[in-house]
Amino acid sequence: VATALRGIGWEFGKGVYIPPHSVAVDNRTAFLKYTFTQFTKSYLCVDLLSFLMKLVPGIGTTDGGSIFFTDLPLVPRYVVSTLITAGTGALAINGFTCGYALLSLLGVGLLGQSPAAWPPLMDNPWSAESLQDFWSRRWHQLLRRTFLILGGIPCGWVAGRIGTIVGSFLASGLLHEGGMYLLGRGLDFRVTAAFFMQGVLVVLEYI
């Protein structure tokens, strides 16, 4: 239970979106081959993207920096910032995929668990058609219950469904803020504000 973050098969996991398997779960060998390929591809992508990010001044370090280089003309400046943003997203997606694939290989290959117990972590985030689609289906749902308990449910008591949505994103922002603080960056509530605004925009889509 402590490691079943999505709550698959448990009461607290009801309602969570589970992406469909990309390979037959009744064929252990095929599952292991597919997962190993996923692990290898994502690992190589993480390695390459990490290397490229470290070449950009101020990016890819705990010191941080701006994605906007003011010494560049307007168009190249935004081309560079867009590439950094896309690269960061790809790095995050492949990082999660790599770690989850490794755990899947250990669970199924070493511990003899069923491939059905290891559904995909994400459902192609690049295919998201809206913020609601991205956060509720495409992105991983590992901390869904955590955010609901810390922010969504309490705020839902006050403001109903809108409070649940915004409160969940507020809790997410505070958790990510804590991660930045542990990196020695101090408090910078722009991180919390960014996630909070995601909730506001999801509500606007919902309305």
Protein backbone atom coordinates (compact mmCIF):
# COMPACT_ATOMS: atom_id res chain seq x y z
CA VAL A 1 0.00 0.00 0.00
CA ALA A 2 2.87 2.37 0.82
CA THR A 3 4.21 2.11 -2.74
CA ALA A 4 0.86 1.94 -4.59
CA LEU A 5 0.78 5.69 -5.13
CA ARG A 6 -2.05 5.59 -7.68
CA GLY A 7 -4.05 3.26 -5.45
CA ILE A 8 -4.69 0.74 -8.23
CA GLY A 9 -6.95 -1.95 -6.77
CA TRP A 10 -7.51 0.00 -3.54
CA GLU A 11 -10.37 2.16 -2.33
CA PHE A 12 -8.34 5.37 -2.44
CA GLY A 13 -7.50 4.74 -6.10
CA LYS A 14 -11.09 4.86 -7.34
CA GLY A 15 -11.54 7.40 -10.10
CA VAL A 16 -7.87 7.64 -11.07
CA TYR A 17 -7.23 7.35 -14.80
CA ILE A 18 -5.14 4.31 -15.77
CA PRO A 19 -3.57 4.47 -19.25
CA PRO A 20 -4.13 1.38 -21.41
CA HIS A 21 -1.29 -1.10 -21.87
CA SER A 22 0.67 -0.90 -25.11
CA VAL A 23 1.52 -4.61 -25.06
CA ALA A 24 -0.43 -7.76 -24.17
CA VAL A 25 -0.26 -8.26 -20.40
CA ASP A 26 -0.72 -12.01 -20.70
CA ASN A 27 2.65 -12.33 -22.43
CA ARG A 28 5.35 -11.78 -19.82
CA THR A 29 8.23 -12.07 -22.30
CA ALA A 30 6.72 -9.51 -24.69
CA PHE A 31 6.04 -7.15 -21.78
CA LEU A 32 9.61 -7.41 -20.51
CA LYS A 33 11.06 -6.82 -23.99
CA TYR A 34 8.83 -3.81 -24.58
CA THR A 35 9.58 -2.35 -21.15
CA PHE A 36 13.32 -2.88 -21.54
CA THR A 37 13.18 -1.05 -24.87
CA GLN A 38 11.28 1.78 -23.17
CA PHE A 39 13.85 1.93 -20.40
CA THR A 40 16.77 2.02 -22.83
CA LYS A 41 15.26 4.72 -25.06
CA SER A 42 14.23 6.94 -22.16
CA TYR A 43 17.58 6.50 -20.41
CA LEU A 44 19.47 7.58 -23.54
CA CYS A 45 17.11 10.55 -23.99
CA VAL A 46 17.64 11.65 -20.38
CA ASP A 47 21.40 11.35 -20.80
CA LEU A 48 21.41 13.38 -24.04
CA LEU A 49 19.01 16.06 -22.81
CA SER A 50 20.85 16.45 -19.52
CA PHE A 51 24.11 16.93 -21.42
CA LEU A 52 22.56 19.52 -23.75
CA MET A 53 20.94 21.43 -20.89
CA LYS A 54 24.25 21.75 -19.09
CA LEU A 55 25.66 23.52 -22.14
CA VAL A 56 23.21 26.39 -21.65
CA PRO A 57 24.53 28.99 -19.17
CA GLY A 58 22.50 29.07 -15.97
CA ILE A 59 20.28 26.15 -17.02
CA GLY A 60 20.54 22.63 -15.65
CA THR A 61 22.14 23.66 -12.37
CA THR A 62 20.72 24.22 -8.89
CA ASP A 63 21.78 27.87 -9.18
CA GLY A 64 19.29 28.31 -11.97
CA GLY A 65 19.00 31.07 -14.53
CA SER A 66 16.66 32.66 -17.04
CA ILE A 67 15.58 30.95 -20.26
CA PHE A 68 15.55 34.41 -21.87
CA PHE A 69 18.90 35.69 -23.12
CA THR A 70 18.47 39.43 -23.48
CA ASP A 71 21.63 39.80 -25.56
CA LEU A 72 19.93 37.87 -28.39
CA PRO A 73 17.60 39.50 -30.94
CA LEU A 74 13.89 39.01 -30.28
CA VAL A 75 13.21 36.03 -32.57
CA PRO A 76 16.31 33.97 -31.68
CA ARG A 77 15.65 34.74 -28.00
CA TYR A 78 12.22 33.14 -28.16
CA VAL A 79 13.45 30.26 -30.31
CA VAL A 80 16.03 29.45 -27.63
CA SER A 81 13.54 29.80 -24.76
CA THR A 82 11.03 27.58 -26.57
CA LEU A 83 13.66 24.90 -27.18
CA ILE A 84 14.70 25.01 -23.51
CA THR A 85 11.06 24.70 -22.41
CA ALA A 86 10.37 21.77 -24.75
CA GLY A 87 13.64 20.12 -23.77
CA THR A 88 12.79 20.44 -20.07
CA GLY A 89 9.40 18.82 -20.70
CA ALA A 90 10.98 15.99 -22.68
CA LEU A 91 13.55 15.51 -19.92
CA ALA A 92 10.83 15.23 -17.28
CA ILE A 93 8.73 12.80 -19.33
CA ASN A 94 11.67 10.57 -20.15
CA GLY A 95 12.93 10.72 -16.58
CA PHE A 96 9.63 9.46 -15.22
CA THR A 97 9.40 6.85 -17.97
CA CYS A 98 12.92 5.61 -17.31
CA GLY A 99 12.41 5.21 -13.56
CA TYR A 100 9.01 3.56 -13.91
CA ALA A 101 10.24 1.17 -16.61
CA LEU A 102 13.10 0.09 -14.35
CA LEU A 103 10.70 -0.56 -11.47
CA SER A 104 8.41 -2.48 -13.85
CA LEU A 105 11.31 -4.67 -14.95
CA LEU A 106 12.19 -5.41 -11.34
CA GLY A 107 8.58 -6.09 -10.34
CA VAL A 108 7.71 -8.35 -13.25
CA GLY A 109 11.09 -9.83 -14.12
CA LEU A 110 12.58 -10.27 -10.65
CA LEU A 111 9.63 -10.47 -8.26
CA GLY A 112 7.32 -12.38 -10.59
CA GLN A 113 4.48 -9.85 -10.49
CA SER A 114 1.85 -9.74 -13.22
CA PRO A 115 2.42 -7.26 -16.08
CA ALA A 116 -1.18 -6.16 -15.48
CA ALA A 117 -0.01 -4.69 -12.16
CA TRP A 118 2.25 -2.27 -14.04
CA PRO A 119 0.07 -0.17 -16.38
CA PRO A 120 1.78 2.76 -18.17
CA LEU A 121 2.63 5.72 -15.99
CA MET A 122 1.59 8.35 -18.54
CA ASP A 123 -0.55 8.51 -21.66
CA ASN A 124 1.51 10.42 -24.22
CA PRO A 125 1.50 13.92 -22.65
CA TRP A 126 2.41 15.50 -26.00
CA SER A 127 -1.05 14.52 -27.29
CA ALA A 128 -2.95 16.54 -24.68
CA GLU A 129 -5.72 18.67 -26.19
CA SER A 130 -6.35 20.83 -23.11
CA LEU A 131 -4.99 21.50 -19.64
CA GLN A 132 -7.74 19.35 -18.17
CA ASP A 133 -6.82 16.49 -20.52
CA PHE A 134 -3.13 16.92 -19.69
CA TRP A 135 -3.42 16.96 -15.90
CA SER A 136 -6.23 14.43 -15.46
CA ARG A 137 -5.22 11.82 -18.05
CA ARG A 138 -1.96 12.41 -19.86
CA TRP A 139 0.37 13.29 -16.99
CA HIS A 140 1.21 10.81 -14.24
CA GLN A 141 -1.23 10.52 -11.36
CA LEU A 142 1.25 9.44 -8.68
CA LEU A 143 0.49 12.34 -6.33
CA ARG A 144 -3.20 12.77 -7.15
CA ARG A 145 -4.41 11.48 -3.80
CA THR A 146 -1.77 13.50 -1.92
CA PHE A 147 -2.87 16.74 -3.56
CA LEU A 148 -6.53 15.95 -2.97
CA ILE A 149 -5.97 15.35 0.74
CA LEU A 150 -3.68 18.34 1.31
CA GLY A 151 -5.61 20.86 -0.75
CA GLY A 152 -8.40 19.58 -2.93
CA ILE A 153 -10.73 18.06 -0.33
CA PRO A 154 -10.38 20.88 2.28
CA CYS A 155 -10.90 23.58 -0.37
CA GLY A 156 -13.77 21.55 -1.81
CA TRP A 157 -15.61 21.84 1.51
CA VAL A 158 -15.50 25.60 1.06
CA ALA A 159 -15.97 26.08 -2.69
CA GLY A 160 -17.25 22.80 -4.11
CA ARG A 161 -15.78 21.36 -7.31
CA ILE A 162 -13.97 24.60 -8.16
CA GLY A 163 -12.33 24.57 -4.73
CA THR A 164 -11.30 20.93 -5.19
CA ILE A 165 -9.58 21.68 -8.48
CA VAL A 166 -7.83 24.89 -7.40
CA GLY A 167 -6.94 23.47 -3.97
CA SER A 168 -5.32 20.43 -5.53
CA PHE A 169 -3.13 22.59 -7.74
CA LEU A 170 -2.29 24.84 -4.79
CA ALA A 171 -1.07 21.78 -2.86
CA SER A 172 0.95 20.73 -5.92
CA GLY A 173 2.54 24.17 -6.08
CA LEU A 174 3.49 24.10 -2.41
CA LEU A 175 5.06 20.64 -2.81
CA HIS A 176 7.14 21.80 -5.78
CA GLU A 177 8.01 24.96 -3.84
CA GLY A 178 9.32 22.73 -1.07
CA GLY A 179 11.50 20.92 -3.59
CA MET A 180 13.01 24.21 -4.74
CA TYR A 181 13.60 25.23 -1.13
CA LEU A 182 15.51 21.98 -0.45
CA LEU A 183 17.80 22.83 -3.36
CA GLY A 184 18.92 25.86 -1.38
CA ARG A 185 17.03 28.37 -3.50
CA GLY A 186 15.03 29.84 -0.63
CA LEU A 187 11.33 30.60 -1.02
CA ASP A 188 10.09 31.80 -4.40
CA PHE A 189 6.31 31.72 -4.54
CA ARG A 190 6.31 32.11 -8.31
CA VAL A 191 6.49 28.29 -8.38
CA THR A 192 3.35 27.98 -6.25
CA ALA A 193 1.65 30.73 -8.27
CA ALA A 194 2.42 28.92 -11.54
CA PHE A 195 0.71 25.71 -10.37
CA PHE A 196 -2.15 27.64 -8.79
CA MET A 197 -2.81 29.33 -12.12
CA GLN A 198 -2.95 25.92 -13.78
CA GLY A 199 -5.90 25.17 -11.52
CA VAL A 200 -7.58 28.47 -12.36
CA LEU A 201 -7.19 27.80 -16.08
CA VAL A 202 -8.54 24.25 -15.73
CA VAL A 203 -11.58 25.72 -13.96
CA LEU A 204 -12.07 28.19 -16.83
CA GLU A 205 -11.97 25.26 -19.26
CA TYR A 206 -14.45 23.40 -17.08
CA ILE A 207 -16.81 26.38 -16.99
